[in-house]
N, C-alpha and C. Protein backbone atom coordinates (compact mmCIF):
# COMPACT_ATOMS: atom_id res chain seq x y z
N MET A 1 0.83 -1.19 0.00
CA MET A 1 0.00 0.00 0.00
C MET A 1 0.87 1.25 0.00
N VAL A 2 1.90 1.22 0.82
CA VAL A 2 2.77 2.39 0.92
C VAL A 2 3.50 2.62 -0.40
N LEU A 3 3.99 1.54 -1.00
CA LEU A 3 4.72 1.68 -2.26
C LEU A 3 3.82 2.18 -3.39
N VAL A 4 2.60 1.67 -3.44
CA VAL A 4 1.67 2.12 -4.47
C VAL A 4 1.30 3.58 -4.24
N THR A 5 1.09 3.96 -2.98
CA THR A 5 0.79 5.36 -2.66
C THR A 5 1.97 6.25 -3.06
N LEU A 6 3.17 5.81 -2.77
CA LEU A 6 4.37 6.56 -3.17
C LEU A 6 4.43 6.71 -4.69
N LEU A 7 4.12 5.64 -5.39
CA LEU A 7 4.11 5.68 -6.85
C LEU A 7 3.07 6.68 -7.37
N VAL A 8 1.89 6.69 -6.78
CA VAL A 8 0.84 7.63 -7.17
C VAL A 8 1.32 9.07 -6.97
N VAL A 9 1.94 9.32 -5.83
CA VAL A 9 2.44 10.67 -5.54
C VAL A 9 3.53 11.06 -6.53
N LEU A 10 4.46 10.15 -6.79
CA LEU A 10 5.54 10.45 -7.73
C LEU A 10 4.99 10.72 -9.13
N LEU A 11 4.05 9.90 -9.57
CA LEU A 11 3.45 10.10 -10.88
C LEU A 11 2.75 11.45 -10.97
N ARG A 12 2.05 11.82 -9.90
CA ARG A 12 1.30 13.07 -9.90
C ARG A 12 2.22 14.29 -9.88
N TYR A 13 3.17 14.31 -8.96
CA TYR A 13 3.95 15.53 -8.74
C TYR A 13 5.25 15.61 -9.55
N LEU A 14 5.79 14.48 -9.95
CA LEU A 14 7.00 14.54 -10.78
C LEU A 14 6.69 14.52 -12.27
N PHE A 15 5.65 13.76 -12.63
CA PHE A 15 5.36 13.59 -14.05
C PHE A 15 4.02 14.19 -14.47
N GLY A 16 3.26 14.71 -13.52
CA GLY A 16 1.98 15.33 -13.84
C GLY A 16 0.95 14.35 -14.39
N GLN A 17 1.07 13.09 -14.01
CA GLN A 17 0.18 12.04 -14.50
C GLN A 17 -0.72 11.53 -13.38
N GLY A 18 -2.01 11.41 -13.68
CA GLY A 18 -2.94 10.81 -12.73
C GLY A 18 -2.91 9.30 -12.87
N ALA A 19 -3.26 8.62 -11.83
CA ALA A 19 -3.27 7.16 -11.85
C ALA A 19 -4.47 6.66 -11.04
N ILE A 20 -5.65 6.81 -11.62
CA ILE A 20 -6.89 6.44 -10.94
C ILE A 20 -6.87 4.97 -10.52
N LEU A 21 -6.42 4.10 -11.41
CA LEU A 21 -6.37 2.67 -11.12
C LEU A 21 -5.50 2.40 -9.89
N LEU A 22 -4.34 3.03 -9.83
CA LEU A 22 -3.46 2.85 -8.69
C LEU A 22 -4.05 3.45 -7.42
N GLN A 23 -4.66 4.63 -7.54
CA GLN A 23 -5.28 5.26 -6.37
C GLN A 23 -6.39 4.36 -5.80
N GLU A 24 -7.20 3.83 -6.68
CA GLU A 24 -8.28 2.96 -6.22
C GLU A 24 -7.74 1.65 -5.67
N SER A 25 -6.63 1.17 -6.21
CA SER A 25 -6.06 -0.08 -5.70
C SER A 25 -5.63 0.08 -4.24
N VAL A 26 -5.20 1.27 -3.86
CA VAL A 26 -4.85 1.52 -2.46
C VAL A 26 -6.10 1.39 -1.59
N ILE A 27 -7.21 1.91 -2.07
CA ILE A 27 -8.47 1.80 -1.32
C ILE A 27 -8.86 0.33 -1.18
N TYR A 28 -8.71 -0.44 -2.24
CA TYR A 28 -9.05 -1.86 -2.20
C TYR A 28 -8.15 -2.60 -1.22
N MET A 29 -6.85 -2.32 -1.28
CA MET A 29 -5.90 -2.97 -0.36
C MET A 29 -6.23 -2.59 1.09
N HIS A 30 -6.54 -1.33 1.31
CA HIS A 30 -6.88 -0.86 2.63
C HIS A 30 -8.12 -1.58 3.15
N GLY A 31 -9.14 -1.67 2.31
CA GLY A 31 -10.36 -2.38 2.69
C GLY A 31 -10.11 -3.84 2.99
N LEU A 32 -9.28 -4.47 2.17
CA LEU A 32 -8.95 -5.88 2.36
C LEU A 32 -8.25 -6.10 3.70
N VAL A 33 -7.27 -5.26 3.99
CA VAL A 33 -6.52 -5.40 5.24
C VAL A 33 -7.45 -5.23 6.45
N PHE A 34 -8.27 -4.21 6.43
CA PHE A 34 -9.11 -3.95 7.59
C PHE A 34 -10.24 -4.96 7.73
N MET A 35 -10.91 -5.28 6.64
CA MET A 35 -12.05 -6.17 6.75
C MET A 35 -11.63 -7.60 7.11
N LEU A 36 -10.52 -8.05 6.58
CA LEU A 36 -10.06 -9.39 6.93
C LEU A 36 -9.21 -9.36 8.20
N GLY A 37 -8.74 -8.20 8.57
CA GLY A 37 -7.97 -8.06 9.80
C GLY A 37 -8.81 -8.12 11.06
N ILE A 38 -10.09 -7.84 10.93
CA ILE A 38 -10.97 -7.84 12.11
C ILE A 38 -11.08 -9.23 12.74
N PRO A 39 -11.44 -10.28 11.97
CA PRO A 39 -11.48 -11.61 12.59
C PRO A 39 -10.09 -12.10 13.00
N TYR A 40 -9.07 -11.70 12.24
CA TYR A 40 -7.69 -12.08 12.55
C TYR A 40 -7.28 -11.49 13.91
N ALA A 41 -7.64 -10.23 14.13
CA ALA A 41 -7.31 -9.58 15.40
C ALA A 41 -8.01 -10.26 16.57
N LEU A 42 -9.25 -10.68 16.37
CA LEU A 42 -9.98 -11.39 17.43
C LEU A 42 -9.27 -12.70 17.75
N HIS A 43 -8.86 -13.41 16.71
CA HIS A 43 -8.17 -14.70 16.90
C HIS A 43 -6.89 -14.52 17.72
N HIS A 44 -6.16 -13.45 17.45
CA HIS A 44 -4.88 -13.21 18.13
C HIS A 44 -5.02 -12.31 19.36
N ASN A 45 -6.26 -12.09 19.78
CA ASN A 45 -6.54 -11.30 20.97
C ASN A 45 -5.93 -9.89 20.90
N ASN A 46 -5.98 -9.30 19.72
CA ASN A 46 -5.44 -7.95 19.51
C ASN A 46 -6.54 -6.92 19.28
N HIS A 47 -7.78 -7.30 19.50
CA HIS A 47 -8.88 -6.38 19.26
C HIS A 47 -8.98 -5.35 20.39
N VAL A 48 -9.61 -4.26 20.08
CA VAL A 48 -9.77 -3.20 21.07
C VAL A 48 -10.88 -3.59 22.03
N ARG A 49 -10.63 -3.37 23.29
CA ARG A 49 -11.67 -3.64 24.29
C ARG A 49 -11.56 -2.62 25.40
N VAL A 50 -12.66 -2.41 26.06
CA VAL A 50 -12.69 -1.51 27.20
C VAL A 50 -12.82 -2.38 28.43
N ASP A 51 -11.76 -2.47 29.19
CA ASP A 51 -11.73 -3.35 30.35
C ASP A 51 -12.16 -2.65 31.63
N VAL A 52 -13.33 -2.05 31.58
CA VAL A 52 -13.85 -1.37 32.76
C VAL A 52 -14.11 -2.39 33.88
N PHE A 53 -14.73 -3.48 33.53
CA PHE A 53 -15.07 -4.50 34.52
C PHE A 53 -13.95 -5.52 34.67
N ALA A 54 -13.42 -5.99 33.55
CA ALA A 54 -12.48 -7.11 33.57
C ALA A 54 -11.12 -6.76 34.16
N ALA A 55 -10.76 -5.49 34.19
CA ALA A 55 -9.44 -5.10 34.68
C ALA A 55 -9.22 -5.51 36.14
N ARG A 56 -10.28 -5.52 36.92
CA ARG A 56 -10.18 -5.84 38.34
C ARG A 56 -10.41 -7.32 38.65
N LEU A 57 -10.72 -8.08 37.63
CA LEU A 57 -11.06 -9.49 37.84
C LEU A 57 -9.86 -10.39 37.58
N GLY A 58 -9.97 -11.59 38.09
CA GLY A 58 -8.97 -12.61 37.80
C GLY A 58 -9.23 -13.22 36.44
N GLU A 59 -8.48 -14.24 36.11
CA GLU A 59 -8.60 -14.88 34.80
C GLU A 59 -10.01 -15.44 34.57
N ARG A 60 -10.55 -16.09 35.57
CA ARG A 60 -11.91 -16.67 35.45
C ARG A 60 -12.96 -15.58 35.24
N GLY A 61 -12.85 -14.52 35.97
CA GLY A 61 -13.78 -13.40 35.81
C GLY A 61 -13.67 -12.77 34.43
N ARG A 62 -12.44 -12.61 33.96
CA ARG A 62 -12.24 -12.06 32.60
C ARG A 62 -12.84 -12.98 31.55
N ASN A 63 -12.69 -14.29 31.76
CA ASN A 63 -13.28 -15.24 30.82
C ASN A 63 -14.80 -15.11 30.79
N TRP A 64 -15.41 -14.90 31.96
CA TRP A 64 -16.86 -14.71 32.01
C TRP A 64 -17.27 -13.44 31.27
N VAL A 65 -16.53 -12.37 31.48
CA VAL A 65 -16.83 -11.10 30.80
C VAL A 65 -16.70 -11.28 29.28
N GLU A 66 -15.63 -11.95 28.86
CA GLU A 66 -15.44 -12.21 27.42
C GLU A 66 -16.58 -13.05 26.86
N LEU A 67 -16.94 -14.11 27.56
CA LEU A 67 -18.00 -15.00 27.10
C LEU A 67 -19.33 -14.25 26.96
N ILE A 68 -19.68 -13.49 27.98
CA ILE A 68 -20.92 -12.73 27.94
C ILE A 68 -20.87 -11.69 26.83
N GLY A 69 -19.74 -11.02 26.67
CA GLY A 69 -19.59 -10.03 25.61
C GLY A 69 -19.73 -10.64 24.23
N HIS A 70 -19.12 -11.81 24.05
CA HIS A 70 -19.23 -12.48 22.75
C HIS A 70 -20.67 -12.88 22.46
N LEU A 71 -21.33 -13.43 23.48
CA LEU A 71 -22.71 -13.89 23.28
C LEU A 71 -23.70 -12.73 23.09
N LEU A 72 -23.53 -11.67 23.85
CA LEU A 72 -24.48 -10.56 23.79
C LEU A 72 -24.18 -9.54 22.69
N PHE A 73 -22.93 -9.42 22.30
CA PHE A 73 -22.57 -8.37 21.35
C PHE A 73 -21.97 -8.91 20.05
N LEU A 74 -20.90 -9.68 20.14
CA LEU A 74 -20.20 -10.11 18.94
C LEU A 74 -21.08 -10.96 18.02
N VAL A 75 -21.72 -11.95 18.55
CA VAL A 75 -22.56 -12.84 17.72
C VAL A 75 -23.73 -12.06 17.09
N PRO A 76 -24.53 -11.32 17.86
CA PRO A 76 -25.63 -10.59 17.23
C PRO A 76 -25.17 -9.53 16.23
N VAL A 77 -24.08 -8.83 16.53
CA VAL A 77 -23.58 -7.81 15.60
C VAL A 77 -23.10 -8.46 14.31
N SER A 78 -22.40 -9.59 14.41
CA SER A 78 -21.93 -10.29 13.22
C SER A 78 -23.10 -10.75 12.34
N ILE A 79 -24.10 -11.31 12.97
CA ILE A 79 -25.27 -11.78 12.22
C ILE A 79 -26.00 -10.60 11.58
N THR A 80 -26.16 -9.52 12.33
CA THR A 80 -26.84 -8.33 11.81
C THR A 80 -26.07 -7.73 10.63
N LEU A 81 -24.76 -7.60 10.77
CA LEU A 81 -23.93 -7.10 9.67
C LEU A 81 -24.10 -7.96 8.42
N PHE A 82 -24.08 -9.26 8.62
CA PHE A 82 -24.22 -10.17 7.49
C PHE A 82 -25.57 -9.99 6.82
N LEU A 83 -26.63 -10.03 7.60
CA LEU A 83 -27.98 -9.97 7.03
C LEU A 83 -28.26 -8.62 6.35
N TYR A 84 -27.84 -7.54 6.97
CA TYR A 84 -28.10 -6.22 6.40
C TYR A 84 -27.20 -5.90 5.22
N SER A 85 -26.06 -6.55 5.12
CA SER A 85 -25.17 -6.28 4.00
C SER A 85 -25.54 -7.06 2.74
N LEU A 86 -26.28 -8.14 2.89
CA LEU A 86 -26.60 -8.98 1.73
C LEU A 86 -27.34 -8.23 0.62
N PRO A 87 -28.42 -7.48 0.91
CA PRO A 87 -29.09 -6.75 -0.17
C PRO A 87 -28.16 -5.72 -0.84
N TYR A 88 -27.36 -5.05 -0.05
CA TYR A 88 -26.42 -4.05 -0.54
C TYR A 88 -25.39 -4.69 -1.48
N VAL A 89 -24.86 -5.82 -1.07
CA VAL A 89 -23.84 -6.50 -1.87
C VAL A 89 -24.47 -7.17 -3.09
N SER A 90 -25.63 -7.78 -2.93
CA SER A 90 -26.25 -8.45 -4.08
C SER A 90 -26.67 -7.44 -5.15
N ALA A 91 -27.10 -6.24 -4.73
CA ALA A 91 -27.43 -5.20 -5.71
C ALA A 91 -26.19 -4.80 -6.49
N SER A 92 -25.07 -4.77 -5.83
CA SER A 92 -23.81 -4.43 -6.48
C SER A 92 -23.40 -5.54 -7.46
N TRP A 93 -23.60 -6.79 -7.06
CA TRP A 93 -23.26 -7.92 -7.93
C TRP A 93 -24.17 -7.98 -9.15
N ARG A 94 -25.46 -7.64 -8.97
CA ARG A 94 -26.40 -7.71 -10.09
C ARG A 94 -25.94 -6.86 -11.28
N VAL A 95 -25.32 -5.73 -10.99
CA VAL A 95 -24.89 -4.84 -12.07
C VAL A 95 -23.38 -4.85 -12.26
N PHE A 96 -22.70 -5.76 -11.53
CA PHE A 96 -21.23 -5.80 -11.54
C PHE A 96 -20.67 -4.38 -11.39
N GLU A 97 -21.07 -3.75 -10.29
CA GLU A 97 -20.73 -2.36 -10.03
C GLU A 97 -19.23 -2.12 -10.13
N GLY A 98 -18.91 -1.09 -10.85
CA GLY A 98 -17.51 -0.70 -11.01
C GLY A 98 -17.30 0.73 -10.57
N SER A 99 -16.11 1.18 -10.79
CA SER A 99 -15.73 2.53 -10.39
C SER A 99 -16.52 3.57 -11.17
N ALA A 100 -16.82 4.67 -10.52
CA ALA A 100 -17.47 5.80 -11.19
C ALA A 100 -16.44 6.62 -11.98
N GLU A 101 -15.18 6.38 -11.71
CA GLU A 101 -14.11 7.12 -12.38
C GLU A 101 -13.68 6.40 -13.66
N VAL A 102 -13.40 7.16 -14.69
CA VAL A 102 -12.87 6.59 -15.93
C VAL A 102 -11.48 6.05 -15.63
N GLY A 103 -11.26 4.81 -16.00
CA GLY A 103 -9.98 4.17 -15.75
C GLY A 103 -9.86 3.57 -14.37
N GLY A 104 -10.96 3.57 -13.62
CA GLY A 104 -10.95 2.99 -12.27
C GLY A 104 -11.11 1.49 -12.31
N ILE A 105 -11.05 0.89 -11.17
CA ILE A 105 -11.17 -0.57 -11.06
C ILE A 105 -12.64 -0.96 -11.23
N PRO A 106 -12.92 -1.86 -12.17
CA PRO A 106 -14.31 -2.26 -12.41
C PRO A 106 -14.77 -3.38 -11.46
N GLY A 107 -14.47 -3.25 -10.18
CA GLY A 107 -14.80 -4.34 -9.26
C GLY A 107 -15.26 -3.90 -7.89
N ILE A 108 -16.05 -2.85 -7.82
CA ILE A 108 -16.55 -2.42 -6.51
C ILE A 108 -17.40 -3.53 -5.88
N PHE A 109 -18.07 -4.31 -6.71
CA PHE A 109 -18.87 -5.42 -6.19
C PHE A 109 -18.00 -6.39 -5.41
N LEU A 110 -16.75 -6.56 -5.81
CA LEU A 110 -15.83 -7.44 -5.08
C LEU A 110 -15.44 -6.82 -3.73
N LEU A 111 -15.19 -5.54 -3.76
CA LEU A 111 -14.83 -4.84 -2.52
C LEU A 111 -15.99 -4.90 -1.52
N LYS A 112 -17.21 -4.69 -1.99
CA LYS A 112 -18.37 -4.74 -1.11
C LYS A 112 -18.60 -6.14 -0.55
N THR A 113 -18.16 -7.16 -1.26
CA THR A 113 -18.31 -8.54 -0.81
C THR A 113 -17.53 -8.80 0.46
N LEU A 114 -16.54 -7.97 0.73
CA LEU A 114 -15.77 -8.12 1.96
C LEU A 114 -16.63 -7.90 3.21
N ILE A 115 -17.72 -7.17 3.08
CA ILE A 115 -18.56 -6.88 4.26
C ILE A 115 -19.20 -8.16 4.80
N PRO A 116 -19.98 -8.90 3.99
CA PRO A 116 -20.54 -10.14 4.55
C PRO A 116 -19.48 -11.20 4.83
N LEU A 117 -18.40 -11.19 4.04
CA LEU A 117 -17.32 -12.15 4.29
C LEU A 117 -16.70 -11.89 5.66
N MET A 118 -16.44 -10.64 5.97
CA MET A 118 -15.90 -10.28 7.28
C MET A 118 -16.86 -10.70 8.38
N ALA A 119 -18.15 -10.47 8.17
CA ALA A 119 -19.14 -10.82 9.19
C ALA A 119 -19.16 -12.32 9.45
N VAL A 120 -19.08 -13.13 8.39
CA VAL A 120 -19.06 -14.59 8.55
C VAL A 120 -17.78 -15.03 9.26
N LEU A 121 -16.64 -14.50 8.83
CA LEU A 121 -15.38 -14.88 9.46
C LEU A 121 -15.34 -14.44 10.93
N LEU A 122 -15.88 -13.27 11.22
CA LEU A 122 -15.93 -12.79 12.60
C LEU A 122 -16.85 -13.68 13.43
N LEU A 123 -17.99 -14.06 12.87
CA LEU A 123 -18.91 -14.95 13.58
C LEU A 123 -18.25 -16.30 13.86
N LEU A 124 -17.58 -16.86 12.85
CA LEU A 124 -16.91 -18.15 13.05
C LEU A 124 -15.81 -18.05 14.11
N GLN A 125 -15.04 -16.97 14.06
CA GLN A 125 -13.99 -16.79 15.06
C GLN A 125 -14.61 -16.56 16.44
N GLY A 126 -15.72 -15.84 16.48
CA GLY A 126 -16.42 -15.63 17.74
C GLY A 126 -16.92 -16.94 18.33
N ILE A 127 -17.45 -17.81 17.50
CA ILE A 127 -17.91 -19.12 17.97
C ILE A 127 -16.74 -19.93 18.49
N ALA A 128 -15.61 -19.89 17.79
CA ALA A 128 -14.41 -20.59 18.26
C ALA A 128 -13.96 -20.04 19.61
N GLU A 129 -14.04 -18.72 19.78
CA GLU A 129 -13.66 -18.10 21.06
C GLU A 129 -14.64 -18.50 22.16
N ILE A 130 -15.92 -18.56 21.84
CA ILE A 130 -16.92 -18.97 22.82
C ILE A 130 -16.65 -20.39 23.29
N ILE A 131 -16.36 -21.28 22.35
CA ILE A 131 -16.05 -22.68 22.70
C ILE A 131 -14.81 -22.74 23.58
N ARG A 132 -13.78 -21.98 23.23
CA ARG A 132 -12.55 -21.96 24.02
C ARG A 132 -12.82 -21.45 25.44
N LEU A 133 -13.60 -20.38 25.53
CA LEU A 133 -13.90 -19.80 26.85
C LEU A 133 -14.71 -20.77 27.71
N ILE A 134 -15.67 -21.46 27.10
CA ILE A 134 -16.46 -22.45 27.85
C ILE A 134 -15.55 -23.57 28.35
N GLN A 135 -14.64 -24.03 27.50
CA GLN A 135 -13.70 -25.08 27.92
C GLN A 135 -12.83 -24.60 29.08
N GLU A 136 -12.35 -23.36 29.00
CA GLU A 136 -11.52 -22.83 30.08
C GLU A 136 -12.32 -22.67 31.37
N LEU A 137 -13.57 -22.25 31.25
CA LEU A 137 -14.39 -22.10 32.45
C LEU A 137 -14.77 -23.44 33.07
N ARG A 138 -14.83 -24.47 32.26
CA ARG A 138 -15.16 -25.81 32.78
C ARG A 138 -13.97 -26.51 33.39
N SER A 139 -12.77 -26.07 33.05
CA SER A 139 -11.57 -26.72 33.57
C SER A 139 -11.44 -26.42 35.06
N PRO A 140 -10.71 -27.26 35.76
CA PRO A 140 -10.53 -27.03 37.22
C PRO A 140 -9.96 -25.63 37.47
N THR A 141 -10.42 -25.02 38.55
CA THR A 141 -10.01 -23.66 38.89
C THR A 141 -8.52 -23.62 39.19
N ARG A 142 -7.86 -22.63 38.60
CA ARG A 142 -6.44 -22.38 38.87
C ARG A 142 -6.36 -21.14 39.72
N GLN A 143 -5.24 -20.98 40.37
CA GLN A 143 -5.02 -19.77 41.15
C GLN A 143 -4.83 -18.61 40.20
N ASP A 144 -5.58 -17.51 40.41
CA ASP A 144 -5.40 -16.31 39.60
C ASP A 144 -4.14 -15.60 40.06
N SER A 145 -3.41 -15.07 39.07
CA SER A 145 -2.19 -14.36 39.41
C SER A 145 -2.40 -12.89 39.49
């Protein structure tokens, strides 16, 4: 992304040439990284969280907070995102929506497909996390550090 952005800037300011295709490719790469990075971050426990309650709890308490959060928020939000994005994405696929710019990437429908794909991957990762948390909560109690 950085190299393509640098190339776009060099083309524009050194050679006076526009590069719509390259500019849009940065947007596509950015979308790809973020939309597929969301379930990846959850898997690697790198997602943003507000530990108002869990900060004072031990490991078992944090697991309960995570489990409840996943069940009450992550699962419903993932399902809602998926269901509400389907008409939006299918409308884009029906017309094979492309860029409004001349010389742009003719694949906006592909970019929009990342929305329900992210929702499904996030839901699957959320279910995996729920299973892991239940297993940890069922295991014999360890001393919290």
